[in-house]
Amino acid sequence: MRITVEELLHMYATGERDFSGINLKAGDLAGVNLTDVNLSASNLIFTNFSDANLTGADLSGADLAESQFDRANLSRAILRKANLSYVVMRYACLQGADLADAYLGHGDFEGTIFRCSNLERVSFYSCNLRQADLESANIVEVSFENTYIYRTNFRNAILENISGPTKRCETIMPNGEVVSDPEVTTSLKDFWP
């Protein structure tokens, strides 16, 4: 069902929260408050969510390809099986979010907070994780192939069955050790205790 931004915001203001399955392709939701909204299985490609508050939102199965999320708050959001390919999500907050089985390939996550998030079976293929914070995240069966990791925080993260050679420059490993090897390409899993 095609819906306009104005219709969505009006219905949200009147208490509606379930917008699952909508088509809001290329919508501008920058700076809006959509706390606890249900946008699961929706077509949201090319949508601007910069500075939006999506705390507790359900975006599971949504197509968010090439959307903009700079500085957005997605704390405790559900993004299971969401398509986040080519998104720009710099300095966003996904603390406590559930991204299991999501595809994040080619995304820009510079400075993004993934603390305590569920990242099981996520693909970070060819992503930018510069200065991202993955402290205490659940990182199981995750692909980091061709991923840029610089000053990325993995302290206390749970890592199992990860793949992908990558360069790690000034990266904080789960045990707190800082690893700097700008000239060496190797696998992250070699450094997990």
Foldseek 3Di string as FASTA:
>chain_A
DEDAPVRVVVVVVVPDAEPDAYEHELHEQDQEENELHEHDLYEHDNYEHDNYEHDNYEHDNYEHDQYEHAQYEHDQYEHDQYEQDQYEHELYEHDQYEHANYENENYEHHNYEDDQYEHHCYEPHLYEDENYEHDQYAAELYECANYEAECYEDALYHYYNYDYWYAHAQYQHNPRDGDHDRPDTDTPVVPHD
